[in-house]
Amino acid sequence: MLDKEVRERFKEFKERTGEYQDLEIDDVRFEEKSLNDLHLKDKVKTKKNTTANKFIEIGDIDRVTKKYDISKKIKQNLPEKGKYAPKGSILISRVRPLLGGYTILDGDDYTFTSGDLNPIVLADNICVNYIFKIICSPKFETFLKRNQNTAGQKPTITSKLYDFKIPIPKDLNKTYTSFKIQEAIVAFLEDAFNKIEKMREFFDKRYKLIEKLDKALIPSTFMKEYVKISFGKYAKENDIGFDINDIEFEIKRIHSKNKDEVVCKKRMGFTPKNSASGTINWYSVRDLGQVEGLFIDSPNTFKKTTMNLIKQAVDKKNTGKSEKLIPIIKGDILISFKLTVGVVKIYNSEKPAYCNEAIDILTVYDSCDNRYVAYNCMLEYPKYGTKTNNGVTLNDDDKKLIQIFVPKDLENYTSLEIQGIIANFIEEKQNKIQDELDKMKVGYNTLERLNKAYLARTFTLIDWSVK
């Protein structure tokens, strides 16, 4: 019989929906049958003259939705013949990365590639959705892992696929035949999945709201919109003696001929050869994108280099040698200005490192808070740039336009102190937003586990000792 918890859930389902009131789920018994017993091999026939709108390949099946869509695909080099699957068949992908079950419930008979897809054609007294639910369950996933041929480049399901055991309910009475009970179990599972989907929709709406707040936080801070009330509350909680509206800003630059106008020293990275035995971290934009949060606390890059290779690269260009040899130091701001523009991180390690020519290195002067400048750059860098065939790139003229909104001194606060307070405020808000996003991720993972749990308990924990 079904697992005790599943039976209790089924009874709750009956009471809530009013369906299957006279089905005593405790009385239902199961028998094991293999796919080999259920599959009508004779129904799968070779078909000549395959056509584009009737031909399914493994790539036509979406791995997430497990649906197929061939309506917008134009097939090329179709085989002269293939096997066909009648309406209502299940096709199972034989190779990675799409190992799993896919159903065809609409349309007509379809031709498919026999090399990539295994068919299951069922008799009229077997509910195709019932079998498909089992194929989508962890029970089948575990079976696949145990029965793969891993000798080739692409692991495939072996001929043991059709040995997979399916629990088929026995007829209970004239009203509840095996087919009707299969339908009832499918309805019960679909009801559970619908509830999970509604929960997912709630998470989706909240996630979009939190994500919107995250993206708006930095622009709104410096544009003096949205955060007025929030900053006032923050100031009161932290005994800060000014309001955001009290601050006047002056515009500074990261790149200018006027040295009195800039807030930092700016230089670009370069590209030495990398070495498998190298120990010096060499940052690319990809590396920056892998770091969560603003700070690089534990430096580790995809590529490493050596000091000899760095010197060779500098000598080859023969320009700015002394500057090029200066490593990234703790407190430096790293900003991408090619392709993916505006990825901003603060290097927070004592370990020297270098980066490539798509990254600006800003060493902020003592009069500025590096976090405050970094947040400004997150807002400003994406505003500028020249479109190229490979994306957007900021040249030196573009960088001259970048504005750093530096607060002027107040009566009881220096500019540096005000920058630190604003940076702390932004950090606090971002941490709260990140906490919310983390909760969302936990929620999504829980829903996914809940989805699998329904399938696992229903089809894996059947008590076969009950006669």
Protein backbone atom coordinates (compact mmCIF):
# COMPACT_ATOMS: atom_id res chain seq x y z
CA MET A 1 0.00 0.00 0.00
CA LEU A 2 0.99 3.66 -0.21
CA ASP A 3 3.15 5.25 2.47
CA LYS A 4 1.16 6.26 5.57
CA GLU A 5 1.93 9.98 5.19
CA VAL A 6 0.85 9.90 1.53
CA ARG A 7 -2.42 8.20 2.49
CA GLU A 8 -3.10 10.92 5.11
CA ARG A 9 -2.33 13.65 2.56
CA PHE A 10 -4.65 11.96 0.08
CA LYS A 11 -7.48 12.02 2.63
CA GLU A 12 -6.87 15.76 3.20
CA PHE A 13 -6.98 16.22 -0.58
CA LYS A 14 -10.37 14.45 -0.73
CA GLU A 15 -11.85 16.57 2.07
CA ARG A 16 -10.60 19.83 0.60
CA THR A 17 -11.55 19.21 -3.02
CA GLY A 18 -14.58 16.94 -2.63
CA GLU A 19 -13.12 14.58 -5.24
CA TYR A 20 -12.87 10.77 -5.02
CA GLN A 21 -14.98 10.72 -1.84
CA ASP A 22 -15.74 7.01 -2.13
CA LEU A 23 -12.16 5.94 -2.84
CA GLU A 24 -10.72 4.24 0.25
CA ILE A 25 -7.04 4.79 -0.39
CA ASP A 26 -6.07 2.54 2.56
CA ASP A 27 -7.54 -0.43 0.67
CA VAL A 28 -5.52 0.12 -2.53
CA ARG A 29 -2.83 -2.47 -3.19
CA PHE A 30 -0.07 -2.44 -5.80
CA GLU A 31 1.76 -4.88 -8.00
CA GLU A 32 5.18 -4.36 -9.57
CA LYS A 33 5.50 -4.35 -13.32
CA SER A 34 8.50 -3.46 -15.43
CA LEU A 35 8.44 -1.00 -18.31
CA ASN A 36 9.15 -4.05 -20.42
CA ASP A 37 5.76 -5.46 -19.35
CA LEU A 38 3.94 -2.17 -20.08
CA HIS A 39 5.68 -1.06 -23.29
CA LEU A 40 3.85 -2.05 -26.49
CA LYS A 41 6.90 -2.65 -28.69
CA ASP A 42 4.82 -3.53 -31.74
CA LYS A 43 3.35 -0.03 -31.78
CA VAL A 44 6.80 1.47 -32.47
CA LYS A 45 7.43 1.11 -36.16
CA THR A 46 9.98 2.31 -38.65
CA LYS A 47 8.58 5.10 -40.77
CA LYS A 48 10.00 6.22 -44.12
CA ASN A 49 10.00 9.73 -45.57
CA THR A 50 10.33 11.65 -42.31
CA THR A 51 9.15 15.28 -42.39
CA ALA A 52 10.38 18.37 -40.59
CA ASN A 53 7.14 19.15 -38.76
CA LYS A 54 6.78 15.59 -37.47
CA PHE A 55 10.37 14.89 -36.48
CA ILE A 56 11.66 15.17 -32.92
CA GLU A 57 15.30 15.29 -31.88
CA ILE A 58 16.71 15.36 -28.38
CA GLY A 59 17.41 19.10 -28.72
CA ASP A 60 13.72 19.84 -29.29
CA ILE A 61 12.92 18.97 -25.68
CA ASP A 62 13.20 21.66 -23.02
CA ARG A 63 15.10 20.27 -20.05
CA VAL A 64 13.20 22.41 -17.51
CA THR A 65 9.59 22.12 -18.62
CA LYS A 66 10.08 18.68 -20.20
CA LYS A 67 7.99 19.82 -23.13
CA TYR A 68 8.93 19.74 -26.79
CA ASP A 69 8.57 22.54 -29.32
CA ILE A 70 9.36 21.88 -32.95
CA SER A 71 6.99 24.46 -34.42
CA LYS A 72 9.69 27.12 -34.92
CA LYS A 73 12.56 24.84 -35.87
CA ILE A 74 13.45 24.05 -39.46
CA LYS A 75 15.07 20.65 -39.71
CA GLN A 76 18.02 20.06 -41.96
CA ASN A 77 19.40 16.79 -43.32
CA LEU A 78 16.53 14.64 -42.06
CA PRO A 79 17.14 10.89 -42.15
CA GLU A 80 15.26 9.00 -44.81
CA LYS A 81 13.54 6.97 -42.16
CA GLY A 82 13.07 6.95 -38.39
CA LYS A 83 10.87 5.37 -35.75
CA TYR A 84 7.51 6.89 -34.95
CA ALA A 85 5.75 7.27 -31.60
CA PRO A 86 1.95 7.36 -31.50
CA LYS A 87 0.08 10.10 -29.66
CA GLY A 88 0.30 9.59 -25.90
CA SER A 89 3.76 8.00 -25.96
CA ILE A 90 6.52 8.87 -23.54
CA LEU A 91 9.99 9.51 -24.93
CA ILE A 92 13.00 9.10 -22.67
CA SER A 93 16.27 10.75 -23.57
CA ARG A 94 19.11 8.25 -23.63
CA VAL A 95 22.07 10.64 -23.31
CA ARG A 96 23.30 13.43 -21.07
CA PRO A 97 22.67 16.22 -20.30
CA LEU A 98 19.00 15.45 -20.95
CA LEU A 99 18.70 12.08 -19.26
CA GLY A 100 15.09 11.82 -18.18
CA GLY A 101 11.49 11.43 -19.25
CA TYR A 102 9.43 13.52 -21.61
CA THR A 103 5.84 13.00 -22.62
CA ILE A 104 3.93 13.56 -25.83
CA LEU A 105 0.30 14.16 -24.97
CA ASP A 106 -0.89 16.31 -27.85
CA GLY A 107 -0.61 16.44 -31.60
CA ASP A 108 -0.33 13.45 -33.87
CA ASP A 109 2.07 10.56 -34.25
CA TYR A 110 5.66 11.81 -34.29
CA THR A 111 8.83 10.46 -35.82
CA PHE A 112 11.90 10.54 -33.60
CA THR A 113 15.59 9.71 -33.63
CA SER A 114 15.89 6.17 -32.35
CA GLY A 115 19.51 6.81 -31.39
CA ASP A 116 18.78 9.49 -28.78
CA LEU A 117 15.25 8.75 -27.57
CA ASN A 118 13.68 5.61 -26.15
CA PRO A 119 9.89 5.30 -26.53
CA ILE A 120 7.33 3.97 -24.09
CA VAL A 121 3.96 3.20 -25.67
CA LEU A 122 1.27 2.22 -23.20
CA ALA A 123 -1.96 0.27 -23.40
CA ASP A 124 -5.30 2.05 -22.96
CA ASN A 125 -5.68 0.73 -19.40
CA ILE A 126 -2.50 2.50 -18.27
CA CYS A 127 -2.63 6.24 -17.49
CA VAL A 128 0.24 7.92 -19.33
CA ASN A 129 0.38 10.79 -16.81
CA TYR A 130 0.72 8.28 -13.96
CA ILE A 131 3.72 6.61 -15.62
CA PHE A 132 5.20 9.99 -16.49
CA LYS A 133 4.98 11.16 -12.87
CA ILE A 134 7.01 8.10 -11.84
CA ILE A 135 9.56 8.75 -14.58
CA CYS A 136 9.94 12.32 -13.26
CA SER A 137 10.50 11.06 -9.71
CA PRO A 138 13.75 10.53 -7.77
CA LYS A 139 13.05 6.79 -8.02
CA PHE A 140 13.68 6.86 -11.77
CA GLU A 141 16.58 9.31 -11.43
CA THR A 142 18.33 6.90 -9.06
CA PHE A 143 17.67 4.01 -11.45
CA LEU A 144 19.25 5.95 -14.33
CA LYS A 145 22.40 6.67 -12.35
CA ARG A 146 22.82 2.99 -11.56
CA ASN A 147 22.27 1.87 -15.15
CA GLN A 148 24.35 4.16 -17.32
CA ASN A 149 26.94 3.04 -19.80
CA THR A 150 29.79 5.45 -19.07
CA ALA A 151 32.31 3.93 -21.49
CA GLY A 152 31.75 6.53 -24.24
CA GLN A 153 32.06 10.30 -24.23
CA LYS A 154 28.34 10.69 -23.59
CA PRO A 155 26.94 8.36 -20.91
CA THR A 156 23.80 6.62 -22.15
CA ILE A 157 20.98 4.60 -20.64
CA THR A 158 21.64 0.93 -21.26
CA SER A 159 19.11 -1.64 -22.43
CA LYS A 160 18.23 -2.12 -18.75
CA LEU A 161 15.98 0.93 -19.07
CA TYR A 162 12.97 -1.29 -19.67
CA ASP A 163 13.73 -3.26 -16.48
CA PHE A 164 12.62 -0.27 -14.40
CA LYS A 165 9.88 -1.32 -11.98
CA ILE A 166 6.57 0.53 -11.86
CA PRO A 167 4.05 0.17 -8.99
CA ILE A 168 0.66 -0.36 -10.67
CA PRO A 169 -2.47 -0.18 -8.45
CA LYS A 170 -4.74 -3.22 -8.57
CA ASP A 171 -8.45 -2.94 -9.31
CA LEU A 172 -10.28 -2.08 -6.11
CA ASN A 173 -13.86 -2.52 -7.30
CA LYS A 174 -16.00 -1.91 -10.39
CA THR A 175 -15.90 1.86 -9.87
CA TYR A 176 -12.22 2.12 -9.04
CA THR A 177 -10.34 0.10 -11.58
CA SER A 178 -6.56 0.34 -11.76
CA PHE A 179 -6.84 3.10 -14.40
CA LYS A 180 -9.21 5.18 -12.23
CA ILE A 181 -6.90 4.85 -9.21
CA GLN A 182 -3.95 5.92 -11.35
CA GLU A 183 -5.94 8.99 -12.42
CA ALA A 184 -6.80 9.74 -8.77
CA ILE A 185 -3.13 9.61 -7.71
CA VAL A 186 -2.21 11.92 -10.60
CA ALA A 187 -4.97 14.38 -9.54
CA PHE A 188 -3.67 14.26 -5.95
CA LEU A 189 -0.11 15.03 -7.09
CA GLU A 190 -1.22 17.79 -9.47
CA ASP A 191 -3.16 19.41 -6.64
CA ALA A 192 -0.03 19.37 -4.47
CA PHE A 193 2.09 20.77 -7.30
CA ASN A 194 -0.45 23.57 -7.88
CA LYS A 195 -0.15 24.60 -4.24
CA ILE A 196 3.63 24.57 -4.54
CA GLU A 197 3.38 26.66 -7.71
CA LYS A 198 1.24 29.26 -5.94
CA MET A 199 3.87 29.49 -3.24
CA ARG A 200 6.50 29.88 -5.95
CA GLU A 201 4.50 32.73 -7.52
CA PHE A 202 4.49 34.50 -4.15
CA PHE A 203 8.27 34.10 -3.90
CA ASP A 204 8.67 35.33 -7.49
CA LYS A 205 6.74 38.54 -6.80
CA ARG A 206 8.66 39.22 -3.60
CA TYR A 207 11.99 38.40 -5.26
CA LYS A 208 11.33 40.90 -8.05
CA LEU A 209 10.44 43.58 -5.49
CA ILE A 210 13.60 42.98 -3.45
CA GLU A 211 15.72 42.88 -6.61
CA LYS A 212 14.21 46.21 -7.70
CA LEU A 213 15.12 47.75 -4.33
CA ASP A 214 18.64 46.41 -4.66
CA LYS A 215 19.13 48.00 -8.08
CA ALA A 216 17.57 51.30 -6.98
CA LEU A 217 19.51 51.71 -3.75
CA ILE A 218 22.77 53.23 -5.00
CA PRO A 219 21.29 55.52 -7.70
CA SER A 220 18.65 56.78 -5.32
CA THR A 221 21.23 57.43 -2.60
CA PHE A 222 23.23 59.80 -4.74
CA MET A 223 20.29 61.29 -6.59
CA LYS A 224 18.73 62.14 -3.20
CA GLU A 225 15.47 60.33 -3.95
CA TYR A 226 13.74 57.36 -2.30
CA VAL A 227 16.10 57.19 0.73
CA LYS A 228 15.24 60.41 2.55
CA ILE A 229 12.92 58.77 5.08
CA SER A 230 15.08 55.68 5.38
CA PHE A 231 18.25 57.70 6.02
CA GLY A 232 16.44 59.87 8.59
CA LYS A 233 15.49 56.72 10.48
CA TYR A 234 19.04 55.39 10.19
CA ALA A 235 20.48 58.71 11.43
CA LYS A 236 18.19 58.70 14.47
CA GLU A 237 19.08 55.10 15.36
CA ASN A 238 22.81 55.83 15.09
CA ASP A 239 22.92 59.30 16.70
CA ILE A 240 23.94 61.01 13.46
CA GLY A 241 23.52 64.76 13.65
CA PHE A 242 22.58 65.58 10.07
CA ASP A 243 19.95 64.71 7.48
CA ILE A 244 20.61 63.69 3.90
CA ASN A 245 19.06 66.98 2.75
CA ASP A 246 21.69 68.94 4.74
CA ILE A 247 24.50 67.70 2.49
CA GLU A 248 25.86 69.70 -0.43
CA PHE A 249 27.91 67.83 -3.01
CA GLU A 250 30.74 68.89 -5.26
CA ILE A 251 31.62 66.93 -8.39
CA LYS A 252 35.04 65.26 -8.51
CA ARG A 253 36.54 62.91 -11.09
CA ILE A 254 38.52 59.68 -11.31
CA HIS A 255 40.30 60.92 -14.47
CA SER A 256 41.10 64.56 -15.24
CA LYS A 257 43.95 66.83 -16.27
CA ASN A 258 43.14 68.95 -13.24
CA LYS A 259 44.82 67.09 -10.38
CA ASP A 260 42.87 69.01 -7.74
CA GLU A 261 39.67 67.55 -9.20
CA VAL A 262 40.50 63.82 -8.94
CA VAL A 263 39.83 61.52 -5.98
CA CYS A 264 42.28 58.75 -6.83
CA LYS A 265 45.20 57.49 -8.82
CA LYS A 266 43.94 55.42 -11.76
CA ARG A 267 45.78 52.81 -13.77
CA MET A 268 44.85 49.84 -15.95
CA GLY A 269 45.87 46.24 -15.71
CA PHE A 270 47.76 44.30 -18.38
CA THR A 271 48.02 40.74 -19.66
CA PRO A 272 51.06 38.64 -18.81
CA LYS A 273 51.27 34.99 -19.80
CA ASN A 274 49.67 32.68 -17.29
CA SER A 275 51.34 29.67 -15.76
CA ALA A 276 50.03 26.43 -14.28
CA SER A 277 52.75 26.67 -11.64
CA GLY A 278 52.18 30.38 -10.99
CA THR A 279 51.31 31.63 -7.51
CA ILE A 280 50.35 35.25 -8.25
CA ASN A 281 46.64 35.94 -8.72
CA TRP A 282 45.75 37.63 -12.00
CA TYR A 283 42.21 39.04 -12.17
CA SER A 284 39.93 39.07 -15.17
CA VAL A 285 36.39 40.49 -15.35
CA ARG A 286 35.19 36.90 -14.98
CA ASP A 287 36.99 36.66 -11.62
CA LEU A 288 35.35 39.87 -10.39
CA GLY A 289 31.94 38.52 -11.34
CA GLN A 290 32.50 35.40 -9.22
CA VAL A 291 32.93 37.43 -6.02
CA GLU A 292 29.82 37.94 -3.89
CA GLY A 293 29.47 41.31 -2.22
CA LEU A 294 31.72 44.33 -2.51
CA PHE A 295 34.94 42.99 -0.99
CA ILE A 296 37.49 40.50 -2.29
CA ASP A 297 38.54 38.94 1.01
CA SER A 298 39.92 35.59 -0.18
CA PRO A 299 41.68 36.17 -3.49
CA ASN A 300 41.58 33.25 -5.89
CA THR A 301 41.60 33.60 -9.67
CA PHE A 302 41.04 31.23 -12.57
CA LYS A 303 44.50 32.05 -13.95
CA LYS A 304 47.82 32.49 -12.16
CA THR A 305 51.07 34.08 -13.25
CA THR A 306 54.65 34.62 -12.03
CA MET A 307 56.73 37.72 -11.43
CA ASN A 308 59.05 36.79 -14.32
CA LEU A 309 56.08 36.60 -16.71
CA ILE A 310 54.81 39.94 -15.40
CA LYS A 311 58.21 41.57 -16.03
CA GLN A 312 58.37 40.05 -19.52
CA ALA A 313 54.93 41.51 -20.37
CA VAL A 314 55.94 44.95 -19.09
CA ASP A 315 59.30 44.89 -20.93
CA LYS A 316 57.57 43.90 -24.18
CA LYS A 317 55.32 46.99 -24.08
CA ASN A 318 58.15 49.15 -22.73
CA THR A 319 55.71 51.78 -21.44
CA GLY A 320 54.89 52.78 -17.91
CA LYS A 321 57.15 50.05 -16.59
CA SER A 322 57.37 51.24 -13.00
CA GLU A 323 53.60 51.78 -12.80
CA LYS A 324 52.77 48.42 -14.37
CA LEU A 325 54.87 46.58 -11.82
CA ILE A 326 52.84 48.05 -8.95
CA PRO A 327 50.54 45.28 -7.71
CA ILE A 328 46.96 45.67 -6.54
CA ILE A 329 47.10 46.46 -2.84
CA LYS A 330 44.57 46.25 -0.04
CA GLY A 331 41.96 48.99 -0.40
CA ASP A 332 42.26 49.38 -4.19
CA ILE A 333 39.03 49.51 -6.18
CA LEU A 334 38.81 47.23 -9.25
CA ILE A 335 36.28 48.22 -11.95
CA SER A 336 35.57 46.54 -15.28
CA PHE A 337 35.25 48.95 -18.21
CA LYS A 338 35.00 46.57 -21.17
CA LEU A 339 32.15 44.27 -22.27
CA THR A 340 30.59 43.80 -18.80
CA VAL A 341 30.90 47.40 -17.63
CA GLY A 342 30.67 48.47 -14.00
CA VAL A 343 31.55 45.33 -12.03
CA VAL A 344 33.06 46.97 -8.92
CA LYS A 345 35.03 45.29 -6.12
CA ILE A 346 37.36 46.44 -3.35
CA TYR A 347 40.49 44.37 -2.91
CA ASN A 348 40.62 43.49 0.79
CA SER A 349 43.64 41.21 1.03
CA GLU A 350 47.30 41.71 1.97
CA LYS A 351 48.32 39.31 -0.83
CA PRO A 352 49.59 41.23 -3.91
CA ALA A 353 47.78 40.58 -7.20
CA TYR A 354 47.47 41.90 -10.76
CA CYS A 355 44.63 42.26 -13.26
CA ASN A 356 44.02 42.50 -16.99
CA GLU A 357 43.62 45.50 -19.27
CA ALA A 358 39.80 45.45 -19.06
CA ILE A 359 39.94 46.53 -15.41
CA ASP A 360 40.68 49.94 -13.89
CA ILE A 361 42.59 50.04 -10.60
CA LEU A 362 41.71 53.03 -8.41
CA THR A 363 43.91 53.86 -5.42
CA VAL A 364 41.75 56.33 -3.50
CA TYR A 365 43.32 59.35 -1.78
CA ASP A 366 43.11 59.71 2.00
CA SER A 367 40.46 62.39 1.65
CA CYS A 368 37.97 59.83 0.30
CA ASP A 369 36.34 56.66 1.60
CA ASN A 370 37.03 53.85 -0.89
CA ARG A 371 33.61 52.27 -0.28
CA TYR A 372 31.91 55.59 -1.03
CA VAL A 373 33.89 56.00 -4.27
CA ALA A 374 33.13 52.38 -5.21
CA TYR A 375 29.38 52.93 -4.79
CA ASN A 376 29.62 56.07 -6.93
CA CYS A 377 31.41 54.09 -9.64
CA MET A 378 28.70 51.41 -9.63
CA LEU A 379 26.27 54.17 -10.57
CA GLU A 380 28.50 56.09 -12.99
CA TYR A 381 30.49 53.56 -15.05
CA PRO A 382 27.48 51.96 -16.80
CA LYS A 383 26.28 55.42 -17.97
CA TYR A 384 29.15 55.86 -20.43
CA GLY A 385 31.02 53.94 -23.08
CA THR A 386 31.41 53.38 -26.78
CA LYS A 387 29.63 50.50 -28.49
CA THR A 388 31.90 48.07 -30.31
CA ASN A 389 31.32 44.76 -32.06
CA ASN A 390 32.16 43.02 -28.79
CA GLY A 391 30.01 45.16 -26.52
CA VAL A 392 30.63 48.46 -24.70
CA THR A 393 34.04 49.90 -23.78
CA LEU A 394 34.94 53.05 -21.85
CA ASN A 395 37.90 54.98 -23.26
CA ASP A 396 39.77 57.74 -21.40
CA ASP A 397 37.43 60.44 -22.73
CA ASP A 398 34.47 58.48 -21.35
CA LYS A 399 36.17 58.15 -17.98
CA LYS A 400 36.66 61.92 -17.78
CA LEU A 401 32.85 62.19 -17.66
CA ILE A 402 32.47 59.96 -14.61
CA GLN A 403 31.28 62.00 -11.64
CA ILE A 404 32.06 61.36 -7.99
CA PHE A 405 29.58 63.26 -5.79
CA VAL A 406 31.78 64.26 -2.87
CA PRO A 407 29.95 65.76 0.14
CA LYS A 408 31.20 69.07 1.47
CA ASP A 409 32.15 69.48 5.13
CA LEU A 410 29.34 70.21 7.58
CA GLU A 411 29.79 72.11 10.83
CA ASN A 412 30.39 68.98 12.94
CA TYR A 413 31.34 66.46 10.24
CA THR A 414 34.18 66.34 7.74
CA SER A 415 33.59 65.21 4.18
CA LEU A 416 35.41 61.93 4.90
CA GLU A 417 33.19 61.25 7.92
CA ILE A 418 30.05 61.94 5.88
CA GLN A 419 31.26 59.60 3.12
CA GLY A 420 31.82 56.87 5.71
CA ILE A 421 28.35 57.36 7.20
CA ILE A 422 26.67 57.18 3.77
CA ALA A 423 28.74 54.10 2.87
CA ASN A 424 27.73 52.46 6.18
CA PHE A 425 24.09 53.29 5.46
CA ILE A 426 24.28 51.72 1.99
CA GLU A 427 26.03 48.64 3.38
CA GLU A 428 23.38 48.16 6.04
CA LYS A 429 20.58 48.43 3.49
CA GLN A 430 22.34 46.10 1.07
CA ASN A 431 22.95 43.55 3.82
CA LYS A 432 19.24 43.59 4.68
CA ILE A 433 18.35 43.21 1.02
CA GLN A 434 20.85 40.36 0.66
CA ASP A 435 19.32 38.65 3.70
CA GLU A 436 15.93 38.85 2.00
CA LEU A 437 17.38 37.46 -1.25
CA ASP A 438 19.03 34.62 0.67
CA LYS A 439 15.71 33.81 2.31
CA MET A 440 14.12 33.73 -1.14
CA LYS A 441 16.74 31.24 -2.34
CA VAL A 442 16.13 29.03 0.70
CA GLY A 443 12.41 29.22 -0.07
CA TYR A 444 12.95 28.17 -3.69
CA ASN A 445 15.14 25.26 -2.61
CA THR A 446 12.51 24.19 -0.09
CA LEU A 447 9.81 24.21 -2.76
CA GLU A 448 12.00 22.12 -5.05
CA ARG A 449 12.61 19.59 -2.29
CA LEU A 450 8.88 19.55 -1.47
CA ASN A 451 8.09 18.86 -5.11
CA LYS A 452 10.48 15.91 -5.18
CA ALA A 453 9.31 14.71 -1.77
CA TYR A 454 5.74 14.19 -3.02
CA LEU A 455 6.98 12.05 -5.89
CA ALA A 456 9.53 10.20 -3.76
CA ARG A 457 7.13 9.26 -0.96
CA THR A 458 4.35 8.34 -3.36
CA PHE A 459 6.33 5.99 -5.59
CA THR A 460 9.34 4.89 -3.54
CA LEU A 461 7.89 4.15 -0.10
CA ILE A 462 5.19 1.68 -1.09
CA ASP A 463 4.82 -1.10 1.49
CA TRP A 464 5.05 -4.34 -0.49
CA SER A 465 4.62 -6.54 2.60
CA VAL A 466 0.90 -5.74 2.75
CA LYS A 467 -1.13 -8.34 0.85
